[in-house]
């Protein structure tokens, strides 16, 4: 086997073992505004019955802007905005909380990947929303 092939193989293996540069540069800690996509929703009623839904089926925006400095969560495609009442960071998670119209919500965003989970609670129904965020 030639030295060139061995060196090429070594470079390929090294490249595969190194973490991606782009992910090392992105930190989803709230320092910069983010856009988050909601991929699916689980709706559970007060009897414990749960069904998978799309965000659109529950009148939720598919994409939201998260701006912790302005303390706002807003729909990308419309005027809907809600106040972020609490922002904190713990154990690699950005935690956001708020509430309106009789419902409370809490979101956790993984600072290293941007993966997101949101819980929305009311007196007779809960919604678990899953998605991911990016820094535009």
Foldseek 3Di string as FASTA:
>chain_A
DDPVVVVVVVVVVVVVPDDDPVLVPAFPQQPAKKKKFWAWKWKAWQVGDIDIDGCVVVPHARIWIQHVVQQWIGHPPDDDIFGFPDWDDDDQWIKTWDDDPQKIKIKIARGRFQWIWMWIDHPTMIMIITTGMDHD
